[in-house]
Amino acid sequence: MISPETPLVVINGQATDGVSSLDRGLLYGDGVFETLAVEDGQPRFWLRHLARLTSGCGRLGIPLPEGKRLLEESLAVISGVERGVLKIIVTRGCAGRGYRPANDAIPTRIIQLHPWPDYPETCRAAGVRVRLCRQRLGHNPVLAGIKHLNRLEQVLARGEWDDPGIPEGLLLDGDGCLVEGTMSNLFLIRDRVLMTPELVRCGVAGILRTVVMELAANVPMPLQVRALGLDDLRDADEVFLTNSIIGVWPVTAVEDRPYRRGVLTCRLQELLKDLSSDGEAWLN
């Protein structure tokens, strides 16, 4: 039985929980990862996650493991599991000391199966309170959008509070622009217009972020991807968060500013639920 302390782990096709101390993912955060929801025994949005993994490896110059092999190993790991969290990590592999990537390094592929988190149903149904983090995100356009292994900014931000009633915090960049949550993407709705921060200088372009942007056309409501600040947050009618595990969480308060769980957020939740019930949705 898997647990948060002892997830099921397969490394390079072998059931083991040990990685070399020379692995560049450990030494330098030199790699990328994906976190997928497992529902009804299938990895949701597999092709979308594989595409982002491919893009991330390409931008870092890491040879991508064969997609068919990753799928076969992932399906073997989640066999018999109705619901869980699948994590796929690809590092540049092992090499000697020094930052320069070795030309002959063989990528390490790590597949982990974790239990489904025990988020209360009220997070989705009633909404969540969030806070503003003091930690700011640095600009790095080369890494913007991809899910690389260096998450120290998020680690520092999430360490700022220990209130179980606040499951998420919002991050700004050095210019005071809204970027994302520590584990989620951010959306605002004002005057029936859906807005989300552009992620050209920092941040992670989440899979559910893209799905929600596509679903907005079915509401319908216009979509704006642009720089957003605290004034936009203050003036928003509705606010919600997304990621591949939580789906859509309405925001009921940011610090002392309250929000309602609005009809447009609810409509997007319904559209996502309908998509989840599609037997082929996991392949999207």
Protein backbone atom coordinates (compact mmCIF):
# COMPACT_ATOMS: atom_id res chain seq x y z
CA MET A 1 0.00 0.00 0.00
CA ILE A 2 1.33 3.42 -0.95
CA SER A 3 1.52 6.23 1.57
CA PRO A 4 2.81 9.82 1.54
CA GLU A 5 5.98 8.55 3.27
CA THR A 6 6.51 5.50 1.03
CA PRO A 7 5.24 6.12 -2.50
CA LEU A 8 5.65 3.47 -5.15
CA VAL A 9 8.77 4.37 -7.15
CA VAL A 10 10.21 3.02 -10.41
CA ILE A 11 13.58 4.34 -11.63
CA ASN A 12 14.71 3.50 -15.15
CA GLY A 13 12.22 0.66 -15.22
CA GLN A 14 13.31 -0.88 -11.91
CA ALA A 15 11.33 -0.84 -8.66
CA THR A 16 13.70 1.03 -6.36
CA ASP A 17 13.73 4.23 -4.34
CA GLY A 18 17.44 4.98 -4.73
CA VAL A 19 19.02 7.46 -7.14
CA SER A 20 22.73 8.02 -7.62
CA SER A 21 24.32 10.81 -5.60
CA LEU A 22 25.86 11.94 -8.90
CA ASP A 23 22.50 12.47 -10.60
CA ARG A 24 22.30 16.04 -11.87
CA GLY A 25 18.66 16.28 -10.87
CA LEU A 26 19.81 15.92 -7.26
CA LEU A 27 22.96 18.03 -7.65
CA TYR A 28 21.56 20.94 -9.67
CA GLY A 29 17.83 20.52 -10.19
CA ASP A 30 18.77 19.68 -13.77
CA GLY A 31 15.55 18.17 -15.04
CA VAL A 32 11.80 18.49 -15.43
CA PHE A 33 8.72 16.82 -13.98
CA GLU A 34 5.00 16.30 -14.49
CA THR A 35 2.27 15.65 -11.94
CA LEU A 36 -0.77 13.81 -13.28
CA ALA A 37 -4.11 12.88 -11.78
CA VAL A 38 -4.93 9.17 -11.95
CA GLU A 39 -8.69 8.67 -12.19
CA ASP A 40 -10.49 5.43 -12.96
CA GLY A 41 -7.11 3.79 -13.38
CA GLN A 42 -5.95 6.14 -16.15
CA PRO A 43 -3.56 9.13 -16.24
CA ARG A 44 -5.59 12.21 -17.12
CA PHE A 45 -4.43 14.43 -20.00
CA TRP A 46 -1.52 12.15 -20.76
CA LEU A 47 -0.73 13.60 -24.18
CA ARG A 48 -0.79 17.16 -22.85
CA HIS A 49 1.60 16.27 -20.04
CA LEU A 50 3.86 14.37 -22.43
CA ALA A 51 3.94 17.39 -24.75
CA ARG A 52 4.99 19.70 -21.91
CA LEU A 53 7.60 17.20 -20.74
CA THR A 54 8.93 17.05 -24.29
CA SER A 55 9.05 20.84 -24.51
CA GLY A 56 10.81 21.16 -21.16
CA CYS A 57 13.43 18.56 -22.05
CA GLY A 58 13.97 20.27 -25.39
CA ARG A 59 14.52 23.68 -23.83
CA LEU A 60 17.02 22.23 -21.34
CA GLY A 61 18.74 20.10 -23.97
CA ILE A 62 17.91 16.82 -22.23
CA PRO A 63 17.25 13.82 -24.49
CA LEU A 64 13.63 12.81 -23.94
CA PRO A 65 12.97 9.18 -23.01
CA GLU A 66 10.72 7.40 -25.48
CA GLY A 67 7.11 8.39 -24.90
CA LYS A 68 5.89 4.83 -25.41
CA ARG A 69 8.26 3.60 -22.68
CA LEU A 70 7.11 6.31 -20.28
CA LEU A 71 3.48 5.38 -20.90
CA GLU A 72 4.11 1.66 -20.47
CA GLU A 73 6.01 2.20 -17.22
CA SER A 74 3.39 4.64 -15.95
CA LEU A 75 0.51 2.27 -16.71
CA ALA A 76 2.38 -0.54 -14.95
CA VAL A 77 2.88 1.63 -11.86
CA ILE A 78 -0.78 2.69 -11.65
CA SER A 79 -2.17 -0.75 -12.49
CA GLY A 80 -5.15 -1.48 -10.24
CA VAL A 81 -5.19 2.07 -8.81
CA GLU A 82 -8.51 3.88 -9.17
CA ARG A 83 -7.30 7.24 -7.91
CA GLY A 84 -3.86 8.59 -7.17
CA VAL A 85 -1.15 11.05 -8.14
CA LEU A 86 1.40 10.06 -10.78
CA LYS A 87 4.68 11.97 -10.88
CA ILE A 88 7.13 11.64 -13.76
CA ILE A 89 10.64 13.08 -13.37
CA VAL A 90 13.30 13.22 -16.07
CA THR A 91 16.80 14.36 -15.10
CA ARG A 92 19.86 14.80 -17.27
CA GLY A 93 21.34 11.76 -15.57
CA CYS A 94 24.67 11.13 -13.83
CA ALA A 95 27.88 13.00 -14.49
CA GLY A 96 30.96 14.15 -12.66
CA ARG A 97 31.45 17.34 -10.73
CA GLY A 98 30.86 20.67 -12.51
CA TYR A 99 28.00 22.53 -14.14
CA ARG A 100 28.87 21.71 -17.74
CA PRO A 101 26.46 19.02 -19.02
CA ALA A 102 28.15 15.84 -20.14
CA ASN A 103 27.51 14.91 -23.76
CA ASP A 104 27.20 11.23 -22.95
CA ALA A 105 24.95 11.47 -19.89
CA ILE A 106 21.98 9.09 -20.02
CA PRO A 107 18.75 10.67 -18.71
CA THR A 108 17.23 9.26 -15.55
CA ARG A 109 13.49 8.62 -15.59
CA ILE A 110 11.67 8.39 -12.28
CA ILE A 111 8.02 7.43 -11.95
CA GLN A 112 6.26 7.77 -8.61
CA LEU A 113 2.75 6.91 -7.47
CA HIS A 114 1.40 8.86 -4.52
CA PRO A 115 -1.92 8.67 -2.68
CA TRP A 116 -4.63 11.13 -3.61
CA PRO A 117 -4.32 14.17 -1.28
CA ASP A 118 -6.98 14.56 1.39
CA TYR A 119 -8.17 18.00 0.32
CA PRO A 120 -11.61 18.68 1.82
CA GLU A 121 -14.48 18.62 -0.68
CA THR A 122 -15.33 22.12 0.53
CA CYS A 123 -12.26 23.44 -1.31
CA ARG A 124 -13.96 22.70 -4.61
CA ALA A 125 -17.57 23.16 -3.56
CA ALA A 126 -17.33 26.24 -1.31
CA GLY A 127 -13.93 27.72 -2.15
CA VAL A 128 -10.69 28.53 -0.34
CA ARG A 129 -8.98 31.41 1.40
CA VAL A 130 -5.53 32.34 0.09
CA ARG A 131 -2.81 34.76 1.09
CA LEU A 132 -0.18 36.89 -0.62
CA CYS A 133 3.37 35.59 -0.24
CA ARG A 134 6.34 37.78 0.61
CA GLN A 135 8.60 35.66 -1.59
CA ARG A 136 8.90 37.06 -5.11
CA LEU A 137 9.60 35.15 -8.32
CA GLY A 138 12.70 36.07 -10.28
CA HIS A 139 12.58 36.64 -14.02
CA ASN A 140 14.11 34.02 -16.30
CA PRO A 141 12.44 33.91 -19.74
CA VAL A 142 14.48 30.85 -20.75
CA LEU A 143 12.85 28.79 -18.00
CA ALA A 144 9.45 30.51 -17.96
CA GLY A 145 6.54 28.16 -18.51
CA ILE A 146 8.33 24.83 -18.05
CA LYS A 147 8.12 22.69 -14.92
CA HIS A 148 11.80 22.36 -14.05
CA LEU A 149 13.05 20.72 -10.88
CA ASN A 150 14.27 23.88 -9.15
CA ARG A 151 11.29 24.80 -6.93
CA LEU A 152 13.18 26.69 -4.20
CA GLU A 153 11.14 29.86 -4.65
CA GLN A 154 7.96 27.85 -4.10
CA VAL A 155 9.48 26.03 -1.12
CA LEU A 156 10.38 29.34 0.54
CA ALA A 157 6.96 30.82 -0.22
CA ARG A 158 5.07 27.81 1.15
CA GLY A 159 7.15 27.96 4.31
CA GLU A 160 5.76 31.41 5.14
CA TRP A 161 2.58 30.12 6.81
CA ASP A 162 1.23 27.12 8.66
CA ASP A 163 -2.51 27.75 8.75
CA PRO A 164 -4.56 24.72 7.62
CA GLY A 165 -7.38 27.10 6.75
CA ILE A 166 -5.25 28.69 4.01
CA PRO A 167 -4.20 26.02 1.49
CA GLU A 168 -2.54 28.29 -1.04
CA GLY A 169 -0.57 31.52 -1.44
CA LEU A 170 -0.19 33.82 -4.43
CA LEU A 171 3.20 34.79 -5.85
CA LEU A 172 4.19 38.03 -7.52
CA ASP A 173 7.34 38.81 -9.47
CA GLY A 174 9.87 41.50 -8.66
CA ASP A 175 7.81 44.10 -10.54
CA GLY A 176 4.72 43.39 -8.47
CA CYS A 177 2.90 41.49 -11.22
CA LEU A 178 0.75 38.51 -10.29
CA VAL A 179 2.18 35.23 -11.57
CA GLU A 180 0.63 32.14 -9.94
CA GLY A 181 0.07 30.26 -6.71
CA THR A 182 2.76 28.18 -5.04
CA MET A 183 1.18 25.07 -6.62
CA SER A 184 -1.47 26.48 -8.94
CA ASN A 185 -2.31 28.87 -11.73
CA LEU A 186 -4.44 31.95 -11.14
CA PHE A 187 -7.53 33.20 -12.96
CA LEU A 188 -9.60 36.37 -12.48
CA ILE A 189 -13.02 37.20 -13.89
CA ARG A 190 -14.23 40.76 -14.26
CA ASP A 191 -17.25 41.90 -16.27
CA ARG A 192 -17.52 38.36 -17.70
CA VAL A 193 -13.95 38.51 -19.07
CA LEU A 194 -11.58 35.69 -18.03
CA MET A 195 -8.03 36.84 -17.28
CA THR A 196 -4.86 34.97 -16.38
CA PRO A 197 -1.27 36.23 -15.98
CA GLU A 198 1.08 35.94 -18.93
CA LEU A 199 4.00 33.63 -18.14
CA VAL A 200 6.75 34.95 -20.40
CA ARG A 201 9.22 35.88 -17.64
CA CYS A 202 8.50 33.30 -14.93
CA GLY A 203 5.88 30.84 -13.74
CA VAL A 204 4.62 27.42 -14.83
CA ALA A 205 2.18 27.01 -17.71
CA GLY A 206 -0.09 24.43 -16.09
CA ILE A 207 -1.97 21.77 -18.02
CA LEU A 208 -5.30 22.65 -16.35
CA ARG A 209 -4.58 26.30 -17.09
CA THR A 210 -4.59 25.48 -20.80
CA VAL A 211 -7.68 23.27 -20.49
CA VAL A 212 -9.63 26.03 -18.70
CA MET A 213 -8.55 28.59 -21.30
CA GLU A 214 -9.97 26.31 -23.98
CA LEU A 215 -13.18 25.65 -22.03
CA ALA A 216 -13.80 29.41 -21.71
CA ALA A 217 -14.91 29.43 -25.35
CA ASN A 218 -17.82 27.15 -24.38
CA VAL A 219 -19.19 29.47 -21.69
CA PRO A 220 -18.67 31.70 -23.71
CA MET A 221 -16.50 34.48 -22.34
CA PRO A 222 -13.54 36.44 -23.72
CA LEU A 223 -10.04 35.49 -22.58
CA GLN A 224 -7.18 37.84 -21.82
CA VAL A 225 -3.62 36.62 -21.14
CA ARG A 226 -1.72 39.67 -19.95
CA ALA A 227 0.20 41.32 -17.14
CA LEU A 228 -2.00 41.52 -14.03
CA GLY A 229 -1.40 43.39 -10.80
CA LEU A 230 -2.89 43.69 -7.36
CA ASP A 231 -5.37 46.29 -8.63
CA ASP A 232 -6.75 43.69 -11.05
CA LEU A 233 -7.03 41.22 -8.19
CA ARG A 234 -8.81 43.74 -5.99
CA ASP A 235 -11.29 44.66 -8.74
CA ALA A 236 -12.08 41.09 -9.84
CA ASP A 237 -15.61 39.72 -9.53
CA GLU A 238 -14.47 36.10 -9.26
CA VAL A 239 -11.10 34.45 -8.59
CA PHE A 240 -10.13 30.80 -8.91
CA LEU A 241 -7.10 28.51 -8.95
CA THR A 242 -6.27 25.49 -11.10
CA ASN A 243 -3.89 22.56 -11.27
CA SER A 244 -4.04 18.97 -12.46
CA ILE A 245 -4.89 17.60 -9.01
CA ILE A 246 -7.23 20.20 -7.52
CA GLY A 247 -9.06 20.96 -10.76
CA VAL A 248 -10.76 24.33 -10.15
CA TRP A 249 -10.84 25.86 -6.68
CA PRO A 250 -12.93 29.03 -6.26
CA VAL A 251 -11.27 31.67 -4.08
CA THR A 252 -13.45 33.15 -1.34
CA ALA A 253 -10.86 35.55 0.08
CA VAL A 254 -7.38 36.89 -0.59
CA GLU A 255 -6.13 38.31 2.69
CA ASP A 256 -9.09 40.47 3.83
CA ARG A 257 -10.68 40.91 0.39
CA PRO A 258 -13.73 38.60 0.04
CA TYR A 259 -14.98 37.08 -3.23
CA ARG A 260 -18.06 35.11 -4.15
CA ARG A 261 -18.09 31.71 -5.77
CA GLY A 262 -19.53 33.07 -8.96
CA VAL A 263 -21.65 31.51 -11.66
CA LEU A 264 -18.88 31.63 -14.28
CA THR A 265 -16.44 29.77 -12.05
CA CYS A 266 -19.16 27.20 -11.36
CA ARG A 267 -19.80 26.86 -15.08
CA LEU A 268 -16.13 26.15 -15.74
CA GLN A 269 -16.16 23.55 -12.96
CA GLU A 270 -19.13 21.86 -14.64
CA LEU A 271 -17.45 21.86 -18.05
CA LEU A 272 -14.32 20.35 -16.53
CA LYS A 273 -16.39 17.69 -14.78
CA ASP A 274 -18.11 16.84 -18.08
CA LEU A 275 -14.70 16.55 -19.70
CA SER A 276 -13.54 14.27 -16.88
CA SER A 277 -16.45 11.94 -17.52
CA ASP A 278 -15.36 11.45 -21.13
CA GLY A 279 -13.76 8.04 -21.41
CA GLU A 280 -11.12 9.39 -23.79
CA ALA A 281 -10.32 12.52 -21.76
CA TRP A 282 -7.20 10.94 -20.28
CA LEU A 283 -5.64 10.89 -23.75
CA ASN A 284 -6.26 14.59 -24.47
